[in-house]
Structure formats: structure tokens, C-alpha cells
C-alpha atoms as a PDB file:
ATOM      1  CA  MET A   1       0.000   0.000   0.000  1.00  0.00           C
ATOM      2  CA  ASN A   2       1.466   3.348  -0.966  1.00  0.00           C
ATOM      3  CA  LEU A   3       1.292   6.617   0.952  1.00  0.00           C
ATOM      4  CA  ILE A   4      -1.644   8.058  -0.999  1.00  0.00           C
ATOM      5  CA  GLU A   5      -3.778   4.970  -0.378  1.00  0.00           C
ATOM      6  CA  SER A   6      -2.892   5.079   3.322  1.00  0.00           C
ATOM      7  CA  VAL A   7      -3.950   8.715   3.610  1.00  0.00           C
ATOM      8  CA  LYS A   8      -7.220   8.061   1.750  1.00  0.00           C
ATOM      9  CA  LYS A   9      -7.990   5.113   4.025  1.00  0.00           C
ATOM     10  CA  LEU A  10      -7.317   7.262   7.084  1.00  0.00           C
ATOM     11  CA  PHE A  11      -9.755   9.961   5.912  1.00  0.00           C
ATOM     12  CA  VAL A  12     -12.457   7.443   5.012  1.00  0.00           C
ATOM     13  CA  LEU A  13     -12.271   5.889   8.479  1.00  0.00           C
ATOM     14  CA  GLN A  14     -12.397   9.256  10.230  1.00  0.00           C
ATOM     15  CA  GLY A  15     -15.123  10.931   8.209  1.00  0.00           C
ATOM     16  CA  PRO A  16     -15.386  14.588   7.251  1.00  0.00           C
ATOM     17  CA  PRO A  17     -13.331  17.145   9.179  1.00  0.00           C
ATOM     18  CA  ALA A  18     -15.108  18.541  12.238  1.00  0.00           C
ATOM     19  CA  GLY A  19     -16.747  21.921  11.727  1.00  0.00           C
ATOM     20  CA  VAL A  20     -16.607  21.732   7.943  1.00  0.00           C
ATOM     21  CA  ARG A  21     -19.977  22.046   6.241  1.00  0.00           C
ATOM     22  CA  LEU A  22     -19.908  20.633   2.713  1.00  0.00           C
ATOM     23  CA  GLY A  23     -22.418  21.602   0.069  1.00  0.00           C
ATOM     24  CA  ARG A  24     -24.040  18.967  -2.098  1.00  0.00           C
ATOM     25  CA  ASN A  25     -21.990  19.963  -5.152  1.00  0.00           C
ATOM     26  CA  ASP A  26     -18.626  20.250  -3.376  1.00  0.00           C
ATOM     27  CA  ILE A  27     -15.951  17.629  -3.951  1.00  0.00           C
ATOM     28  CA  CYS A  28     -16.304  14.813  -1.400  1.00  0.00           C
ATOM     29  CA  TRP A  29     -14.111  14.875   1.687  1.00  0.00           C
ATOM     30  CA  CYS A  30     -12.890  11.300   1.091  1.00  0.00           C
ATOM     31  CA  GLY A  31     -10.742  12.253  -1.883  1.00  0.00           C
ATOM     32  CA  SER A  32     -12.614  10.190  -4.457  1.00  0.00           C
ATOM     33  CA  GLY A  33     -13.028  13.191  -6.759  1.00  0.00           C
ATOM     34  CA  LYS A  34     -16.799  12.679  -6.885  1.00  0.00           C
ATOM     35  CA  LYS A  35     -19.354  15.241  -5.818  1.00  0.00           C
ATOM     36  CA  TYR A  36     -20.356  14.900  -2.176  1.00  0.00           C
ATOM     37  CA  LYS A  37     -24.006  14.186  -3.112  1.00  0.00           C
ATOM     38  CA  ASN A  38     -22.934  11.173  -5.184  1.00  0.00           C
ATOM     39  CA  CYS A  39     -20.427   9.824  -2.693  1.00  0.00           C
ATOM     40  CA  HIS A  40     -20.899  10.183   1.097  1.00  0.00           C
ATOM     41  CA  LEU A  41     -23.890  12.504   1.582  1.00  0.00           C
ATOM     42  CA  ALA A  42     -26.408   9.741   2.351  1.00  0.00           C
ATOM     43  CA  SER A  43     -24.159   7.881   4.789  1.00  0.00           C
ATOM     44  CA  ASP A  44     -23.158  11.099   6.575  1.00  0.00           C
ATOM     45  CA  GLU A  45     -26.823  12.089   6.965  1.00  0.00           C
ATOM     46  CA  ARG A  46     -27.646   8.669   8.449  1.00  0.00           C
ATOM     47  CA  LYS A  47     -24.793   9.056  10.958  1.00  0.00           C
ATOM     48  CA  ARG A  48     -25.967  12.546  11.963  1.00  0.00           C
ATOM     49  CA  ALA A  49     -29.558  11.318  12.381  1.00  0.00           C
ATOM     50  CA  ALA A  50     -28.399   8.444  14.598  1.00  0.00           C
ATOM     51  CA  GLN A  51     -26.317  10.839  16.716  1.00  0.00           C
ATOM     52  CA  ARG A  52     -29.293  13.183  17.127  1.00  0.00           C
ATOM     53  CA  ALA A  53     -31.569  10.304  18.108  1.00  0.00           C
ATOM     54  CA  SER A  54     -29.134   9.026  20.732  1.00  0.00           C
ATOM     55  CA  ALA A  55     -28.573  12.532  22.119  1.00  0.00           C
ATOM     56  CA  VAL A  56     -32.315  13.152  22.476  1.00  0.00           C
ATOM     57  CA  GLY A  57     -32.880   9.967  24.413  1.00  0.00           C
ATOM     58  CA  GLY A  58     -32.817   7.098  22.016  1.00  0.00           C
ATOM     59  CA  GLY A  59     -35.936   8.047  20.103  1.00  0.00           C
ATOM     60  CA  GLY A  60     -38.798   5.658  19.577  1.00  0.00           C
ATOM     61  CA  GLY A  61     -40.375   6.309  22.949  1.00  0.00           C
ATOM     62  CA  GLY A  62     -43.565   8.257  23.408  1.00  0.00           C
ATOM     63  CA  MET A  63     -44.985  10.080  26.382  1.00  0.00           C
ATOM     64  CA  PHE A  64     -46.911   7.015  27.604  1.00  0.00           C
END
């Protein structure tokens, strides 16, 4: 494995940089060269939704 592949693998495992807000048409943070909307947008949104649900109290529970 060469240096470039190692760096790409490191970024893919870590996710997007903290505090950086990517637009749908920006180049993806993983270094693939694809637009963000065609690469990691869906998976990043699922991760954010899961984090919000766990921070709120696990979700799924009602008042009763």
C-alpha cells in the first residue's frame, strides 16, 4: 500500500473534518473526486440522524 492509499484510508475511516460544512456539489471529503451528493452525503446524513436520536434519548419512545 502506498502513501496516498494510506492517507485516503485514514480519511475514510475518520469521516469529514469537524466543523466543515460541505455543500451537495462540493468535492467529497474522502478524496474520491466525486461530488459529495454522489459519494458520502447519504451515509453522513444517516450518521448525523443516529447521533441526534441518541442525544435526544434514544428516540422511539412516546410520552406514555
